[in-house]
Amino acid sequence: MTRKTLLKNIRKLRVSDRVKEELARLAAKSKKLVETMLLFLRRHRQLAESLLLGAIVAFLLTQIPVLGHFLGLCALVTSGAIGLMREMNETLKSTFGLSPA
């Protein structure tokens, strides 16, 4: 949905003008937030890949009764840690020319 269409739909709502103004302001802020998140994910690709895979595994594990939610949380935390380690390894290699031991 384009910004024009979104603002047009906000204007059509049957709510007070103040609510419409706040919704328009929130739409602008959310656009900035999404752009910032995408920029972060582009800069930290290794972390993003690990977190995405961890989120998929966590979703699949939450389908297991009783322990599924705990296992999903563990998978997500582990994938974040692995992603951070991969990012650090990549930074060390690019900065100091080190090869993994």
PDB file of N, CA and C in Angstrom:
ATOM      1  N   MET A   1       0.848  -1.169   0.000  1.00  0.00           N
ATOM      2  CA  MET A   1       0.000   0.000   0.000  1.00  0.00           C
ATOM      3  C   MET A   1       0.899   1.239   0.000  1.00  0.00           C
ATOM      4  N   THR A   2       0.601   2.146  -0.882  1.00  0.00           N
ATOM      5  CA  THR A   2       1.402   3.357  -0.963  1.00  0.00           C
ATOM      6  C   THR A   2       1.016   4.324   0.148  1.00  0.00           C
ATOM      7  N   ARG A   3       1.871   5.295   0.348  1.00  0.00           N
ATOM      8  CA  ARG A   3       1.614   6.292   1.400  1.00  0.00           C
ATOM      9  C   ARG A   3       0.338   7.085   1.111  1.00  0.00           C
ATOM     10  N   LYS A   4       0.125   7.439  -0.161  1.00  0.00           N
ATOM     11  CA  LYS A   4      -1.085   8.183  -0.529  1.00  0.00           C
ATOM     12  C   LYS A   4      -2.342   7.397  -0.205  1.00  0.00           C
ATOM     13  N   THR A   5      -2.323   6.128  -0.575  1.00  0.00           N
ATOM     14  CA  THR A   5      -3.486   5.275  -0.321  1.00  0.00           C
ATOM     15  C   THR A   5      -3.729   5.134   1.174  1.00  0.00           C
ATOM     16  N   LEU A   6      -2.660   4.973   1.926  1.00  0.00           N
ATOM     17  CA  LEU A   6      -2.793   4.833   3.371  1.00  0.00           C
ATOM     18  C   LEU A   6      -3.395   6.091   3.990  1.00  0.00           C
ATOM     19  N   LEU A   7      -2.885   7.256   3.598  1.00  0.00           N
ATOM     20  CA  LEU A   7      -3.426   8.511   4.138  1.00  0.00           C
ATOM     21  C   LEU A   7      -4.878   8.716   3.704  1.00  0.00           C
ATOM     22  N   LYS A   8      -5.186   8.317   2.495  1.00  0.00           N
ATOM     23  CA  LYS A   8      -6.566   8.428   2.000  1.00  0.00           C
ATOM     24  C   LYS A   8      -7.507   7.548   2.827  1.00  0.00           C
ATOM     25  N   ASN A   9      -7.062   6.344   3.126  1.00  0.00           N
ATOM     26  CA  ASN A   9      -7.877   5.438   3.946  1.00  0.00           C
ATOM     27  C   ASN A   9      -8.029   5.962   5.372  1.00  0.00           C
ATOM     28  N   ILE A  10      -6.983   6.589   5.892  1.00  0.00           N
ATOM     29  CA  ILE A  10      -7.064   7.165   7.238  1.00  0.00           C
ATOM     30  C   ILE A  10      -8.079   8.301   7.254  1.00  0.00           C
ATOM     31  N   ARG A  11      -8.081   9.131   6.219  1.00  0.00           N
ATOM     32  CA  ARG A  11      -9.033  10.249   6.161  1.00  0.00           C
ATOM     33  C   ARG A  11     -10.478   9.778   6.084  1.00  0.00           C
ATOM     34  N   LYS A  12     -10.707   8.602   5.491  1.00  0.00           N
ATOM     35  CA  LYS A  12     -12.069   8.076   5.339  1.00  0.00           C
ATOM     36  C   LYS A  12     -12.648   7.523   6.643  1.00  0.00           C
ATOM     37  N   LEU A  13     -11.789   7.263   7.617  1.00  0.00           N
ATOM     38  CA  LEU A  13     -12.252   6.682   8.876  1.00  0.00           C
ATOM     39  C   LEU A  13     -13.221   7.614   9.590  1.00  0.00           C
ATOM     40  N   ARG A  14     -14.163   7.023  10.300  1.00  0.00           N
ATOM     41  CA  ARG A  14     -15.135   7.805  11.067  1.00  0.00           C
ATOM     42  C   ARG A  14     -14.669   7.937  12.517  1.00  0.00           C
ATOM     43  N   VAL A  15     -13.597   8.661  12.675  1.00  0.00           N
ATOM     44  CA  VAL A  15     -13.048   8.930  14.011  1.00  0.00           C
ATOM     45  C   VAL A  15     -12.696  10.406  14.079  1.00  0.00           C
ATOM     46  N   SER A  16     -12.319  10.860  15.255  1.00  0.00           N
ATOM     47  CA  SER A  16     -12.004  12.282  15.417  1.00  0.00           C
ATOM     48  C   SER A  16     -10.755  12.663  14.623  1.00  0.00           C
ATOM     49  N   ASP A  17     -10.620  13.951  14.379  1.00  0.00           N
ATOM     50  CA  ASP A  17      -9.467  14.449  13.623  1.00  0.00           C
ATOM     51  C   ASP A  17      -8.160  14.166  14.339  1.00  0.00           C
ATOM     52  N   ARG A  18      -8.187  14.220  15.656  1.00  0.00           N
ATOM     53  CA  ARG A  18      -6.968  13.959  16.416  1.00  0.00           C
ATOM     54  C   ARG A  18      -6.491  12.526  16.214  1.00  0.00           C
ATOM     55  N   VAL A  19      -7.434  11.592  16.202  1.00  0.00           N
ATOM     56  CA  VAL A  19      -7.074  10.188  15.976  1.00  0.00           C
ATOM     57  C   VAL A  19      -6.494  10.023  14.569  1.00  0.00           C
ATOM     58  N   LYS A  20      -7.080  10.701  13.605  1.00  0.00           N
ATOM     59  CA  LYS A  20      -6.568  10.630  12.235  1.00  0.00           C
ATOM     60  C   LYS A  20      -5.153  11.186  12.143  1.00  0.00           C
ATOM     61  N   GLU A  21      -4.905  12.293  12.827  1.00  0.00           N
ATOM     62  CA  GLU A  21      -3.562  12.874  12.826  1.00  0.00           C
ATOM     63  C   GLU A  21      -2.551  11.925  13.442  1.00  0.00           C
ATOM     64  N   GLU A  22      -2.936  11.313  14.565  1.00  0.00           N
ATOM     65  CA  GLU A  22      -2.024  10.379  15.239  1.00  0.00           C
ATOM     66  C   GLU A  22      -1.760   9.154  14.372  1.00  0.00           C
ATOM     67  N   LEU A  23      -2.775   8.665  13.680  1.00  0.00           N
ATOM     68  CA  LEU A  23      -2.579   7.514  12.792  1.00  0.00           C
ATOM     69  C   LEU A  23      -1.637   7.863  11.640  1.00  0.00           C
ATOM     70  N   ALA A  24      -1.778   9.056  11.094  1.00  0.00           N
ATOM     71  CA  ALA A  24      -0.889   9.483  10.014  1.00  0.00           C
ATOM     72  C   ALA A  24       0.546   9.600  10.526  1.00  0.00           C
ATOM     73  N   ARG A  25       0.710  10.131  11.729  1.00  0.00           N
ATOM     74  CA  ARG A  25       2.044  10.254  12.319  1.00  0.00           C
ATOM     75  C   ARG A  25       2.649   8.879  12.602  1.00  0.00           C
ATOM     76  N   LEU A  26       1.826   7.969  13.094  1.00  0.00           N
ATOM     77  CA  LEU A  26       2.283   6.609  13.358  1.00  0.00           C
ATOM     78  C   LEU A  26       2.699   5.911  12.067  1.00  0.00           C
ATOM     79  N   ALA A  27       1.970   6.147  10.988  1.00  0.00           N
ATOM     80  CA  ALA A  27       2.328   5.544   9.697  1.00  0.00           C
ATOM     81  C   ALA A  27       3.693   6.032   9.244  1.00  0.00           C
ATOM     82  N   ALA A  28       3.969   7.318   9.420  1.00  0.00           N
ATOM     83  CA  ALA A  28       5.274   7.859   9.033  1.00  0.00           C
ATOM     84  C   ALA A  28       6.384   7.262   9.888  1.00  0.00           C
ATOM     85  N   LYS A  29       6.138   7.143  11.196  1.00  0.00           N
ATOM     86  CA  LYS A  29       7.160   6.581  12.086  1.00  0.00           C
ATOM     87  C   LYS A  29       7.404   5.105  11.787  1.00  0.00           C
ATOM     88  N   SER A  30       6.338   4.372  11.477  1.00  0.00           N
ATOM     89  CA  SER A  30       6.512   2.948  11.199  1.00  0.00           C
ATOM     90  C   SER A  30       7.305   2.749   9.913  1.00  0.00           C
ATOM     91  N   LYS A  31       7.142   3.653   8.950  1.00  0.00           N
ATOM     92  CA  LYS A  31       7.928   3.555   7.727  1.00  0.00           C
ATOM     93  C   LYS A  31       9.405   3.723   8.040  1.00  0.00           C
ATOM     94  N   LYS A  32       9.726   4.702   8.889  1.00  0.00           N
ATOM     95  CA  LYS A  32      11.121   4.905   9.294  1.00  0.00           C
ATOM     96  C   LYS A  32      11.660   3.677  10.020  1.00  0.00           C
ATOM     97  N   LEU A  33      10.825   3.099  10.876  1.00  0.00           N
ATOM     98  CA  LEU A  33      11.241   1.922  11.634  1.00  0.00           C
ATOM     99  C   LEU A  33      11.555   0.758  10.704  1.00  0.00           C
ATOM    100  N   VAL A  34      10.683   0.509   9.744  1.00  0.00           N
ATOM    101  CA  VAL A  34      10.908  -0.593   8.809  1.00  0.00           C
ATOM    102  C   VAL A  34      12.164  -0.341   7.979  1.00  0.00           C
ATOM    103  N   GLU A  35      12.369   0.892   7.526  1.00  0.00           N
ATOM    104  CA  GLU A  35      13.577   1.205   6.767  1.00  0.00           C
ATOM    105  C   GLU A  35      14.829   0.988   7.611  1.00  0.00           C
ATOM    106  N   THR A  36      14.780   1.383   8.872  1.00  0.00           N
ATOM    107  CA  THR A  36      15.925   1.201   9.764  1.00  0.00           C
ATOM    108  C   THR A  36      16.198  -0.278  10.011  1.00  0.00           C
ATOM    109  N   MET A  37      15.137  -1.058  10.200  1.00  0.00           N
ATOM    110  CA  MET A  37      15.301  -2.494  10.410  1.00  0.00           C
ATOM    111  C   MET A  37      15.910  -3.160   9.175  1.00  0.00           C
ATOM    112  N   LEU A  38      15.443  -2.785   7.985  1.00  0.00           N
ATOM    113  CA  LEU A  38      15.997  -3.365   6.768  1.00  0.00           C
ATOM    114  C   LEU A  38      17.462  -2.996   6.583  1.00  0.00           C
ATOM    115  N   LEU A  39      17.811  -1.768   6.921  1.00  0.00           N
ATOM    116  CA  LEU A  39      19.205  -1.341   6.839  1.00  0.00           C
ATOM    117  C   LEU A  39      20.076  -2.164   7.788  1.00  0.00           C
ATOM    118  N   PHE A  40      19.582  -2.378   9.019  1.00  0.00           N
ATOM    119  CA  PHE A  40      20.313  -3.187   9.990  1.00  0.00           C
ATOM    120  C   PHE A  40      20.493  -4.613   9.475  1.00  0.00           C
ATOM    121  N   LEU A  41      19.429  -5.188   8.922  1.00  0.00           N
ATOM    122  CA  LEU A  41      19.500  -6.563   8.436  1.00  0.00           C
ATOM    123  C   LEU A  41      20.442  -6.689   7.236  1.00  0.00           C
ATOM    124  N   ARG A  42      20.502  -5.657   6.414  1.00  0.00           N
ATOM    125  CA  ARG A  42      21.436  -5.688   5.280  1.00  0.00           C
ATOM    126  C   ARG A  42      22.880  -5.609   5.770  1.00  0.00           C
ATOM    127  N   ARG A  43      23.116  -4.809   6.795  1.00  0.00           N
ATOM    128  CA  ARG A  43      24.479  -4.670   7.315  1.00  0.00           C
ATOM    129  C   ARG A  43      24.935  -5.898   8.084  1.00  0.00           C
ATOM    130  N   HIS A  44      24.018  -6.586   8.720  1.00  0.00           N
ATOM    131  CA  HIS A  44      24.334  -7.751   9.554  1.00  0.00           C
ATOM    132  C   HIS A  44      23.642  -8.989   8.989  1.00  0.00           C
ATOM    133  N   ARG A  45      24.058  -9.355   7.796  1.00  0.00           N
ATOM    134  CA  ARG A  45      23.404 -10.444   7.073  1.00  0.00           C
ATOM    135  C   ARG A  45      23.541 -11.789   7.789  1.00  0.00           C
ATOM    136  N   GLN A  46      24.711 -12.061   8.335  1.00  0.00           N
ATOM    137  CA  GLN A  46      24.936 -13.340   9.027  1.00  0.00           C
ATOM    138  C   GLN A  46      23.963 -13.492  10.201  1.00  0.00           C
ATOM    139  N   LEU A  47      23.816 -12.431  10.971  1.00  0.00           N
ATOM    140  CA  LEU A  47      22.910 -12.464  12.118  1.00  0.00           C
ATOM    141  C   LEU A  47      21.468 -12.635  11.657  1.00  0.00           C
ATOM    142  N   ALA A  48      21.088 -11.919  10.612  1.00  0.00           N
ATOM    143  CA  ALA A  48      19.722 -12.002  10.110  1.00  0.00           C
ATOM    144  C   ALA A  48      19.392 -13.407   9.618  1.00  0.00           C
ATOM    145  N   GLU A  49      20.326 -14.029   8.900  1.00  0.00           N
ATOM    146  CA  GLU A  49      20.094 -15.393   8.412  1.00  0.00           C
ATOM    147  C   GLU A  49      19.915 -16.360   9.573  1.00  0.00           C
ATOM    148  N   SER A  50      20.773 -16.256  10.578  1.00  0.00           N
ATOM    149  CA  SER A  50      20.678 -17.158  11.727  1.00  0.00           C
ATOM    150  C   SER A  50      19.372 -16.959  12.485  1.00  0.00           C
ATOM    151  N   LEU A  51      18.986 -15.708  12.690  1.00  0.00           N
ATOM    152  CA  LEU A  51      17.743 -15.445  13.416  1.00  0.00           C
ATOM    153  C   LEU A  51      16.525 -15.915  12.637  1.00  0.00           C
ATOM    154  N   LEU A  52      16.550 -15.756  11.327  1.00  0.00           N
ATOM    155  CA  LEU A  52      15.430 -16.214  10.515  1.00  0.00           C
ATOM    156  C   LEU A  52      15.294 -17.728  10.576  1.00  0.00           C
ATOM    157  N   LEU A  53      16.401 -18.427  10.436  1.00  0.00           N
ATOM    158  CA  LEU A  53      16.348 -19.885  10.547  1.00  0.00           C
ATOM    159  C   LEU A  53      15.924 -20.322  11.946  1.00  0.00           C
ATOM    160  N   GLY A  54      16.410 -19.613  12.965  1.00  0.00           N
ATOM    161  CA  GLY A  54      16.017 -19.923  14.333  1.00  0.00           C
ATOM    162  C   GLY A  54      14.533 -19.693  14.564  1.00  0.00           C
ATOM    163  N   ALA A  55      13.987 -18.642  13.966  1.00  0.00           N
ATOM    164  CA  ALA A  55      12.556 -18.366  14.106  1.00  0.00           C
ATOM    165  C   ALA A  55      11.720 -19.457  13.445  1.00  0.00           C
ATOM    166  N   ILE A  56      12.186 -19.956  12.304  1.00  0.00           N
ATOM    167  CA  ILE A  56      11.465 -21.044  11.625  1.00  0.00           C
ATOM    168  C   ILE A  56      11.495 -22.304  12.480  1.00  0.00           C
ATOM    169  N   VAL A  57      12.670 -22.645  12.999  1.00  0.00           N
ATOM    170  CA  VAL A  57      12.790 -23.830  13.854  1.00  0.00           C
ATOM    171  C   VAL A  57      11.960 -23.654  15.124  1.00  0.00           C
ATOM    172  N   ALA A  58      11.987 -22.452  15.696  1.00  0.00           N
ATOM    173  CA  ALA A  58      11.205 -22.195  16.912  1.00  0.00           C
ATOM    174  C   ALA A  58       9.722 -22.365  16.639  1.00  0.00           C
ATOM    175  N   PHE A  59       9.258 -21.875  15.496  1.00  0.00           N
ATOM    176  CA  PHE A  59       7.846 -22.035  15.147  1.00  0.00           C
ATOM    177  C   PHE A  59       7.478 -23.509  15.031  1.00  0.00           C
ATOM    178  N   LEU A  60       8.346 -24.285  14.388  1.00  0.00           N
ATOM    179  CA  LEU A  60       8.064 -25.711  14.244  1.00  0.00           C
ATOM    180  C   LEU A  60       8.094 -26.427  15.590  1.00  0.00           C
ATOM    181  N   LEU A  61       9.017 -26.040  16.462  1.00  0.00           N
ATOM    182  CA  LEU A  61       9.109 -26.696  17.769  1.00  0.00           C
ATOM    183  C   LEU A  61       7.940 -26.352  18.683  1.00  0.00           C
ATOM    184  N   THR A  62       7.342 -25.179  18.516  1.00  0.00           N
ATOM    185  CA  THR A  62       6.228 -24.809  19.391  1.00  0.00           C
ATOM    186  C   THR A  62       4.997 -25.662  19.139  1.00  0.00           C
ATOM    187  N   GLN A  63       4.995 -26.428  18.058  1.00  0.00           N
ATOM    188  CA  GLN A  63       3.860 -27.313  17.781  1.00  0.00           C
ATOM    189  C   GLN A  63       3.881 -28.570  18.654  1.00  0.00           C
ATOM    190  N   ILE A  64       5.015 -28.814  19.292  1.00  0.00           N
ATOM    191  CA  ILE A  64       5.147 -29.979  20.177  1.00  0.00           C
ATOM    192  C   ILE A  64       4.458 -29.657  21.504  1.00  0.00           C
ATOM    193  N   PRO A  65       3.573 -30.540  21.967  1.00  0.00           N
ATOM    194  CA  PRO A  65       2.902 -30.268  23.246  1.00  0.00           C
ATOM    195  C   PRO A  65       3.890 -30.273  24.417  1.00  0.00           C
ATOM    196  N   VAL A  66       3.547 -29.608  25.469  1.00  0.00           N
ATOM    197  CA  VAL A  66       4.224 -29.509  26.748  1.00  0.00           C
ATOM    198  C   VAL A  66       5.566 -28.758  26.660  1.00  0.00           C
ATOM    199  N   LEU A  67       6.590 -29.326  26.053  1.00  0.00           N
ATOM    200  CA  LEU A  67       7.916 -28.710  26.026  1.00  0.00           C
ATOM    201  C   LEU A  67       8.183 -27.856  24.796  1.00  0.00           C
ATOM    202  N   GLY A  68       7.276 -27.814  23.866  1.00  0.00           N
ATOM    203  CA  GLY A  68       7.516 -27.142  22.597  1.00  0.00           C
ATOM    204  C   GLY A  68       7.886 -25.683  22.709  1.00  0.00           C
ATOM    205  N   HIS A  69       7.188 -24.945  23.556  1.00  0.00           N
ATOM    206  CA  HIS A  69       7.474 -23.518  23.688  1.00  0.00           C
ATOM    207  C   HIS A  69       8.860 -23.275  24.288  1.00  0.00           C
ATOM    208  N   PHE A  70       9.226 -24.081  25.255  1.00  0.00           N
ATOM    209  CA  PHE A  70      10.559 -23.961  25.846  1.00  0.00           C
ATOM    210  C   PHE A  70      11.634 -24.288  24.820  1.00  0.00           C
ATOM    211  N   LEU A  71      11.437 -25.361  24.056  1.00  0.00           N
ATOM    212  CA  LEU A  71      12.411 -25.736  23.035  1.00  0.00           C
ATOM    213  C   LEU A  71      12.501 -24.670  21.943  1.00  0.00           C
ATOM    214  N   GLY A  72      11.368 -24.088  21.596  1.00  0.00           N
ATOM    215  CA  GLY A  72      11.369 -23.009  20.602  1.00  0.00           C
ATOM    216  C   GLY A  72      12.161 -21.811  21.072  1.00  0.00           C
ATOM    217  N   LEU A  73      11.977 -21.444  22.335  1.00  0.00           N
ATOM    218  CA  LEU A  73      12.733 -20.331  22.906  1.00  0.00           C
ATOM    219  C   LEU A  73      14.227 -20.638  22.913  1.00  0.00           C
ATOM    220  N   CYS A  74      14.570 -21.860  23.285  1.00  0.00           N
ATOM    221  CA  CYS A  74      15.988 -22.261  23.286  1.00  0.00           C
ATOM    222  C   CYS A  74      16.569 -22.190  21.880  1.00  0.00           C
ATOM    223  N   ALA A  75      15.801 -22.615  20.885  1.00  0.00           N
ATOM    224  CA  ALA A  75      16.273 -22.573  19.497  1.00  0.00           C
ATOM    225  C   ALA A  75      16.496 -21.133  19.047  1.00  0.00           C
ATOM    226  N   LEU A  76      15.602 -20.241  19.431  1.00  0.00           N
ATOM    227  CA  LEU A  76      15.733 -18.843  19.028  1.00  0.00           C
ATOM    228  C   LEU A  76      16.945 -18.184  19.686  1.00  0.00           C
ATOM    229  N   VAL A  77      17.151 -18.447  20.964  1.00  0.00           N
ATOM    230  CA  VAL A  77      18.309 -17.886  21.674  1.00  0.00           C
ATOM    231  C   VAL A  77      19.608 -18.439  21.100  1.00  0.00           C
ATOM    232  N   THR A  78      19.627 -19.735  20.831  1.00  0.00           N
ATOM    233  CA  THR A  78      20.824 -20.358  20.273  1.00  0.00           C
ATOM    234  C   THR A  78      21.139 -19.805  18.888  1.00  0.00           C
ATOM    235  N   SER A  79      20.097 -19.613  18.079  1.00  0.00           N
ATOM    236  CA  SER A  79      20.336 -19.074  16.734  1.00  0.00           C
ATOM    237  C   SER A  79      20.864 -17.643  16.809  1.00  0.00           C
ATOM    238  N   GLY A  80      20.396 -16.862  17.776  1.00  0.00           N
ATOM    239  CA  GLY A  80      20.920 -15.511  17.962  1.00  0.00           C
ATOM    240  C   GLY A  80      22.380 -15.530  18.356  1.00  0.00           C
ATOM    241  N   ALA A  81      22.743 -16.433  19.259  1.00  0.00           N
ATOM    242  CA  ALA A  81      24.142 -16.547  19.686  1.00  0.00           C
ATOM    243  C   ALA A  81      25.031 -16.992  18.529  1.00  0.00           C
ATOM    244  N   ILE A  82      24.559 -17.943  17.745  1.00  0.00           N
ATOM    245  CA  ILE A  82      25.334 -18.408  16.592  1.00  0.00           C
ATOM    246  C   ILE A  82      25.496 -17.276  15.581  1.00  0.00           C
ATOM    247  N   GLY A  83      24.434 -16.515  15.364  1.00  0.00           N
ATOM    248  CA  GLY A  83      24.508 -15.392  14.436  1.00  0.00           C
ATOM    249  C   GLY A  83      25.504 -14.343  14.890  1.00  0.00           C
ATOM    250  N   LEU A  84      25.507 -14.043  16.190  1.00  0.00           N
ATOM    251  CA  LEU A  84      26.476 -13.075  16.719  1.00  0.00           C
ATOM    252  C   LEU A  84      27.904 -13.581  16.577  1.00  0.00           C
ATOM    253  N   MET A  85      28.111 -14.874  16.832  1.00  0.00           N
ATOM    254  CA  MET A  85      29.457 -15.428  16.674  1.00  0.00           C
ATOM    255  C   MET A  85      29.907 -15.376  15.220  1.00  0.00           C
ATOM    256  N   ARG A  86      28.999 -15.659  14.296  1.00  0.00           N
ATOM    257  CA  ARG A  86      29.345 -15.582  12.875  1.00  0.00           C
ATOM    258  C   ARG A  86      29.687 -14.150  12.477  1.00  0.00           C
ATOM    259  N   GLU A  87      28.914 -13.178  13.003  1.00  0.00           N
ATOM    260  CA  GLU A  87      29.196 -11.767  12.729  1.00  0.00           C
ATOM    261  C   GLU A  87      30.579 -11.376  13.261  1.00  0.00           C
ATOM    262  N   MET A  88      30.870 -11.807  14.497  1.00  0.00           N
ATOM    263  CA  MET A  88      32.165 -11.491  15.092  1.00  0.00           C
ATOM    264  C   MET A  88      33.303 -12.112  14.292  1.00  0.00           C
ATOM    265  N   ASN A  89      33.124 -13.350  13.872  1.00  0.00           N
ATOM    266  CA  ASN A  89      34.138 -14.034  13.080  1.00  0.00           C
ATOM    267  C   ASN A  89      34.368 -13.282  11.772  1.00  0.00           C
ATOM    268  N   GLU A  90      33.309 -12.867  11.118  1.00  0.00           N
ATOM    269  CA  GLU A  90      33.419 -12.126   9.862  1.00  0.00           C
ATOM    270  C   GLU A  90      34.133 -10.790  10.073  1.00  0.00           C
ATOM    271  N   THR A  91      33.816 -10.104  11.176  1.00  0.00           N
ATOM    272  CA  THR A  91      34.456  -8.825  11.478  1.00  0.00           C
ATOM    273  C   THR A  91      35.943  -9.009  11.760  1.00  0.00           C
ATOM    274  N   LEU A  92      36.289 -10.028  12.531  1.00  0.00           N
ATOM    275  CA  LEU A  92      37.701 -10.294  12.821  1.00  0.00           C
ATOM    276  C   LEU A  92      38.478 -10.619  11.557  1.00  0.00           C
ATOM    277  N   LYS A  93      37.877 -11.411  10.682  1.00  0.00           N
ATOM    278  CA  LYS A  93      38.562 -11.756   9.439  1.00  0.00           C
ATOM    279  C   LYS A  93      38.777 -10.528   8.570  1.00  0.00           C
ATOM    280  N   SER A  94      37.766  -9.677   8.479  1.00  0.00           N
ATOM    281  CA  SER A  94      37.910  -8.506   7.613  1.00  0.00           C
ATOM    282  C   SER A  94      38.836  -7.447   8.219  1.00  0.00           C
ATOM    283  N   THR A  95      38.843  -7.329   9.548  1.00  0.00           N
ATOM    284  CA  THR A  95      39.649  -6.308  10.191  1.00  0.00           C
ATOM    285  C   THR A  95      41.120  -6.714  10.305  1.00  0.00           C
ATOM    286  N   PHE A  96      41.357  -7.904  10.798  1.00  0.00           N
ATOM    287  CA  PHE A  96      42.726  -8.326  11.087  1.00  0.00           C
ATOM    288  C   PHE A  96      43.268  -9.365  10.105  1.00  0.00           C
ATOM    289  N   GLY A  97      42.461  -9.809   9.187  1.00  0.00           N
ATOM    290  CA  GLY A  97      42.920 -10.823   8.232  1.00  0.00           C
ATOM    291  C   GLY A  97      43.143 -12.166   8.871  1.00  0.00           C
ATOM    292  N   LEU A  98      42.433 -12.424   9.964  1.00  0.00           N
ATOM    293  CA  LEU A  98      42.592 -13.691  10.667  1.00  0.00           C
ATOM    294  C   LEU A  98      41.756 -14.773  10.008  1.00  0.00           C
ATOM    295  N   SER A  99      42.287 -15.987  10.022  1.00  0.00           N
ATOM    296  CA  SER A  99      41.514 -17.122   9.544  1.00  0.00           C
ATOM    297  C   SER A  99      41.022 -17.894  10.754  1.00  0.00           C
ATOM    298  N   PRO A 100      39.864 -18.560  10.638  1.00  0.00           N
ATOM    299  CA  PRO A 100      39.349 -19.294  11.801  1.00  0.00           C
ATOM    300  C   PRO A 100      40.280 -20.430  12.196  1.00  0.00           C
ATOM    301  N   ALA A 101      40.414 -20.637  13.489  1.00  0.00           N
ATOM    302  CA  ALA A 101      41.325 -21.655  14.008  1.00  0.00           C
ATOM    303  C   ALA A 101      40.687 -23.016  13.982  1.00  0.00           C
TER     304      ALA A 101
END
